[in-house]
């Protein structure tokens, strides 16, 4: 890794940020399954709510840990008519 300038520590930091985002994304549904409704009986509205919380948690976590992929996601979202203005404001905060 020294010959090509590959920074293992930087890669591990990105992996840690990705792991935090992954945990934030799966936690709501996992907790719903564990403490409320198992997969065999979960209703569609509860499923959608848990998934929406997971998506929100993932995005907030990417923002809080300053994940490098966030800039790309905000750049793509900036081209969407309904999301563009919000994306540009978030990019300015990042």
N, C-alpha and C. Protein backbone atom coordinates (compact mmCIF):
# COMPACT_ATOMS: atom_id res chain seq x y z
N UNK A 1 0.81 -1.20 0.00
CA UNK A 1 0.00 0.00 0.00
C UNK A 1 0.85 1.26 0.00
N UNK A 2 2.07 1.17 0.48
CA UNK A 2 2.95 2.34 0.50
C UNK A 2 3.41 2.76 -0.88
N UNK A 3 3.59 1.80 -1.77
CA UNK A 3 4.10 2.10 -3.10
C UNK A 3 3.09 2.92 -3.93
N UNK A 4 1.83 2.63 -3.78
CA UNK A 4 0.81 3.32 -4.58
C UNK A 4 0.11 4.45 -3.82
N UNK A 5 0.51 4.66 -2.56
CA UNK A 5 -0.09 5.74 -1.78
C UNK A 5 -1.47 5.42 -1.26
N UNK A 6 -1.75 4.15 -1.04
CA UNK A 6 -3.06 3.72 -0.54
C UNK A 6 -3.09 3.88 0.97
N UNK A 7 -4.04 4.61 1.48
CA UNK A 7 -4.14 4.89 2.91
C UNK A 7 -5.15 3.94 3.56
N UNK A 8 -4.65 2.93 4.21
CA UNK A 8 -5.50 1.92 4.84
C UNK A 8 -6.34 2.54 5.96
N UNK A 9 -5.76 3.44 6.74
CA UNK A 9 -6.50 4.07 7.84
C UNK A 9 -7.67 4.90 7.30
N UNK A 10 -7.46 5.59 6.21
CA UNK A 10 -8.55 6.37 5.61
C UNK A 10 -9.67 5.45 5.13
N UNK A 11 -9.30 4.32 4.53
CA UNK A 11 -10.31 3.37 4.08
C UNK A 11 -11.10 2.81 5.26
N UNK A 12 -10.41 2.51 6.35
CA UNK A 12 -11.10 1.97 7.53
C UNK A 12 -12.02 3.01 8.16
N UNK A 13 -11.64 4.29 8.08
CA UNK A 13 -12.54 5.35 8.58
C UNK A 13 -13.80 5.41 7.74
N UNK A 14 -13.68 5.27 6.43
CA UNK A 14 -14.85 5.26 5.56
C UNK A 14 -15.71 4.03 5.85
N UNK A 15 -15.07 2.89 6.06
CA UNK A 15 -15.83 1.68 6.41
C UNK A 15 -16.60 1.87 7.71
N UNK A 16 -15.99 2.53 8.69
CA UNK A 16 -16.66 2.78 9.97
C UNK A 16 -17.87 3.70 9.77
N UNK A 17 -17.71 4.71 8.94
CA UNK A 17 -18.83 5.61 8.64
C UNK A 17 -19.95 4.86 7.93
N UNK A 18 -19.58 3.98 7.02
CA UNK A 18 -20.57 3.18 6.31
C UNK A 18 -21.29 2.23 7.26
N UNK A 19 -20.55 1.66 8.21
CA UNK A 19 -21.16 0.77 9.19
C UNK A 19 -22.17 1.52 10.05
N UNK A 20 -21.84 2.75 10.44
CA UNK A 20 -22.77 3.57 11.22
C UNK A 20 -24.05 3.83 10.42
N UNK A 21 -23.91 4.14 9.15
CA UNK A 21 -25.08 4.35 8.29
C UNK A 21 -25.91 3.10 8.14
N UNK A 22 -25.25 1.96 8.01
CA UNK A 22 -25.95 0.69 7.87
C UNK A 22 -26.74 0.38 9.13
N UNK A 23 -26.12 0.56 10.28
CA UNK A 23 -26.83 0.31 11.54
C UNK A 23 -28.04 1.23 11.70
N UNK A 24 -27.87 2.49 11.34
CA UNK A 24 -28.99 3.43 11.42
C UNK A 24 -30.12 3.03 10.48
N UNK A 25 -29.76 2.47 9.34
CA UNK A 25 -30.78 2.09 8.35
C UNK A 25 -31.56 0.85 8.78
N UNK A 26 -30.89 -0.12 9.36
CA UNK A 26 -31.59 -1.37 9.68
C UNK A 26 -32.19 -1.40 11.08
N UNK A 27 -31.76 -0.50 11.96
CA UNK A 27 -32.22 -0.52 13.34
C UNK A 27 -33.74 -0.41 13.49
N UNK A 28 -34.43 0.52 12.83
CA UNK A 28 -35.87 0.61 13.05
C UNK A 28 -36.64 -0.68 12.70
N UNK A 29 -36.31 -1.27 11.58
CA UNK A 29 -37.01 -2.50 11.19
C UNK A 29 -36.62 -3.65 12.10
N UNK A 30 -35.35 -3.76 12.44
CA UNK A 30 -34.91 -4.82 13.34
C UNK A 30 -35.58 -4.70 14.71
N UNK A 31 -35.66 -3.48 15.24
CA UNK A 31 -36.31 -3.27 16.53
C UNK A 31 -37.81 -3.53 16.45
N UNK A 32 -38.41 -3.18 15.33
CA UNK A 32 -39.83 -3.47 15.13
C UNK A 32 -40.08 -4.97 15.15
N UNK A 33 -39.25 -5.71 14.43
CA UNK A 33 -39.37 -7.17 14.42
C UNK A 33 -39.14 -7.76 15.81
N UNK A 34 -38.17 -7.24 16.52
CA UNK A 34 -37.78 -7.80 17.80
C UNK A 34 -38.78 -7.51 18.91
N UNK A 35 -39.28 -6.26 18.95
CA UNK A 35 -40.09 -5.85 20.09
C UNK A 35 -41.57 -5.63 19.80
N UNK A 36 -41.98 -5.63 18.53
CA UNK A 36 -43.36 -5.29 18.26
C UNK A 36 -44.04 -6.33 17.40
N UNK A 37 -43.70 -6.39 16.13
CA UNK A 37 -44.34 -7.31 15.20
C UNK A 37 -43.29 -8.11 14.45
N UNK A 38 -43.28 -9.42 14.60
CA UNK A 38 -42.33 -10.22 13.83
C UNK A 38 -42.69 -10.20 12.34
N UNK A 39 -41.79 -10.62 11.49
CA UNK A 39 -42.03 -10.58 10.04
C UNK A 39 -43.30 -11.34 9.61
N UNK A 40 -43.66 -12.35 10.35
CA UNK A 40 -44.82 -13.15 9.94
C UNK A 40 -46.15 -12.44 10.15
N UNK A 41 -46.18 -11.38 10.97
CA UNK A 41 -47.45 -10.70 11.24
C UNK A 41 -47.41 -9.19 11.00
N UNK A 42 -46.28 -8.67 10.58
CA UNK A 42 -46.18 -7.22 10.42
C UNK A 42 -47.17 -6.73 9.36
N UNK A 43 -47.76 -5.60 9.63
CA UNK A 43 -48.71 -5.01 8.68
C UNK A 43 -47.96 -4.07 7.73
N UNK A 44 -48.57 -3.81 6.60
CA UNK A 44 -47.90 -2.97 5.61
C UNK A 44 -47.62 -1.56 6.14
N UNK A 45 -48.57 -0.89 6.80
CA UNK A 45 -48.27 0.46 7.31
C UNK A 45 -47.10 0.48 8.31
N UNK A 46 -47.03 -0.53 9.17
CA UNK A 46 -45.93 -0.59 10.13
C UNK A 46 -44.62 -0.83 9.40
N UNK A 47 -44.64 -1.70 8.41
CA UNK A 47 -43.44 -1.97 7.60
C UNK A 47 -42.96 -0.70 6.91
N UNK A 48 -43.88 0.01 6.28
CA UNK A 48 -43.51 1.26 5.58
C UNK A 48 -42.96 2.29 6.57
N UNK A 49 -43.56 2.38 7.75
CA UNK A 49 -43.07 3.33 8.75
C UNK A 49 -41.66 3.00 9.21
N UNK A 50 -41.41 1.71 9.46
CA UNK A 50 -40.07 1.30 9.90
C UNK A 50 -39.04 1.54 8.80
N UNK A 51 -39.40 1.26 7.57
CA UNK A 51 -38.48 1.48 6.45
C UNK A 51 -38.22 2.98 6.28
N UNK A 52 -39.26 3.79 6.39
CA UNK A 52 -39.08 5.24 6.27
C UNK A 52 -38.17 5.77 7.37
N UNK A 53 -38.32 5.26 8.59
CA UNK A 53 -37.42 5.66 9.68
C UNK A 53 -35.99 5.22 9.39
N UNK A 54 -35.84 4.05 8.80
CA UNK A 54 -34.51 3.56 8.44
C UNK A 54 -33.85 4.42 7.39
N UNK A 55 -34.59 4.81 6.37
CA UNK A 55 -34.05 5.68 5.32
C UNK A 55 -33.66 7.03 5.91
N UNK A 56 -34.53 7.57 6.76
CA UNK A 56 -34.23 8.86 7.39
C UNK A 56 -33.01 8.76 8.29
N UNK A 57 -32.94 7.69 9.08
CA UNK A 57 -31.79 7.50 9.96
C UNK A 57 -30.50 7.34 9.19
N UNK A 58 -30.57 6.64 8.09
CA UNK A 58 -29.39 6.45 7.23
C UNK A 58 -28.89 7.79 6.71
N UNK A 59 -29.83 8.60 6.19
CA UNK A 59 -29.43 9.88 5.62
C UNK A 59 -28.86 10.82 6.68
N UNK A 60 -29.53 10.90 7.83
CA UNK A 60 -29.04 11.76 8.91
C UNK A 60 -27.67 11.30 9.38
N UNK A 61 -27.48 9.99 9.49
CA UNK A 61 -26.19 9.46 9.92
C UNK A 61 -25.09 9.79 8.90
N UNK A 62 -25.39 9.65 7.61
CA UNK A 62 -24.39 10.02 6.60
C UNK A 62 -23.99 11.48 6.75
N UNK A 63 -24.97 12.32 7.05
CA UNK A 63 -24.70 13.74 7.23
C UNK A 63 -23.86 13.98 8.49
N UNK A 64 -24.24 13.33 9.59
CA UNK A 64 -23.54 13.55 10.86
C UNK A 64 -22.10 13.03 10.85
N UNK A 65 -21.87 11.91 10.17
CA UNK A 65 -20.50 11.36 10.14
C UNK A 65 -19.70 11.89 8.96
N UNK A 66 -20.33 12.75 8.17
CA UNK A 66 -19.68 13.34 6.98
C UNK A 66 -19.15 12.25 6.05
N UNK A 67 -20.04 11.36 5.69
CA UNK A 67 -19.67 10.26 4.79
C UNK A 67 -19.34 10.82 3.41
N UNK A 68 -18.29 10.33 2.76
CA UNK A 68 -17.91 10.86 1.44
C UNK A 68 -18.97 10.66 0.36
N UNK A 69 -19.83 9.67 0.51
CA UNK A 69 -20.88 9.43 -0.49
C UNK A 69 -21.98 10.48 -0.43
N UNK A 70 -22.09 11.19 0.68
CA UNK A 70 -23.15 12.17 0.83
C UNK A 70 -23.07 13.26 -0.24
N UNK A 71 -21.88 13.70 -0.55
CA UNK A 71 -21.72 14.74 -1.58
C UNK A 71 -22.26 14.27 -2.93
N UNK A 72 -21.98 13.02 -3.28
CA UNK A 72 -22.49 12.47 -4.54
C UNK A 72 -24.02 12.37 -4.51
N UNK A 73 -24.57 11.91 -3.40
CA UNK A 73 -26.02 11.78 -3.29
C UNK A 73 -26.71 13.14 -3.39
N UNK A 74 -26.15 14.13 -2.71
CA UNK A 74 -26.74 15.47 -2.77
C UNK A 74 -26.60 16.06 -4.17
N UNK A 75 -25.51 15.78 -4.84
CA UNK A 75 -25.32 16.26 -6.21
C UNK A 75 -26.35 15.67 -7.16
N UNK A 76 -26.61 14.37 -7.02
CA UNK A 76 -27.64 13.75 -7.87
C UNK A 76 -29.02 14.27 -7.54
N UNK A 77 -29.30 14.46 -6.25
CA UNK A 77 -30.61 14.94 -5.84
C UNK A 77 -30.85 16.38 -6.28
N UNK A 78 -29.79 17.16 -6.43
CA UNK A 78 -29.92 18.57 -6.83
C UNK A 78 -30.54 18.72 -8.21
N UNK A 79 -30.45 17.69 -9.03
CA UNK A 79 -31.02 17.78 -10.38
C UNK A 79 -32.51 17.43 -10.41
N UNK A 80 -33.06 16.96 -9.30
CA UNK A 80 -34.48 16.60 -9.25
C UNK A 80 -35.30 17.83 -8.91
N UNK A 81 -36.39 18.06 -9.64
CA UNK A 81 -37.16 19.31 -9.46
C UNK A 81 -37.69 19.53 -8.05
N UNK A 82 -38.25 18.51 -7.44
CA UNK A 82 -38.87 18.68 -6.12
C UNK A 82 -37.84 18.66 -4.99
N UNK A 83 -36.73 17.99 -5.18
CA UNK A 83 -35.75 17.79 -4.11
C UNK A 83 -34.56 18.72 -4.26
N UNK A 84 -34.34 19.24 -5.43
CA UNK A 84 -33.17 20.06 -5.72
C UNK A 84 -32.90 21.19 -4.74
N UNK A 85 -33.89 22.04 -4.45
CA UNK A 85 -33.62 23.15 -3.52
C UNK A 85 -33.18 22.68 -2.13
N UNK A 86 -33.82 21.65 -1.62
CA UNK A 86 -33.45 21.11 -0.31
C UNK A 86 -32.05 20.53 -0.36
N UNK A 87 -31.75 19.81 -1.43
CA UNK A 87 -30.44 19.20 -1.59
C UNK A 87 -29.34 20.25 -1.62
N UNK A 88 -29.59 21.34 -2.32
CA UNK A 88 -28.58 22.40 -2.39
C UNK A 88 -28.35 23.04 -1.02
N UNK A 89 -29.41 23.18 -0.22
CA UNK A 89 -29.25 23.75 1.12
C UNK A 89 -28.45 22.80 2.02
N UNK A 90 -28.74 21.52 1.91
CA UNK A 90 -28.00 20.52 2.70
C UNK A 90 -26.53 20.48 2.29
N UNK A 91 -26.28 20.58 0.98
CA UNK A 91 -24.90 20.57 0.50
C UNK A 91 -24.14 21.76 1.05
N UNK A 92 -24.80 22.89 1.20
CA UNK A 92 -24.14 24.08 1.74
C UNK A 92 -23.77 23.87 3.21
N UNK A 93 -24.57 23.09 3.94
CA UNK A 93 -24.26 22.79 5.35
C UNK A 93 -23.14 21.78 5.49
N UNK A 94 -23.04 20.91 4.51
CA UNK A 94 -22.05 19.82 4.56
C UNK A 94 -20.71 20.41 4.31
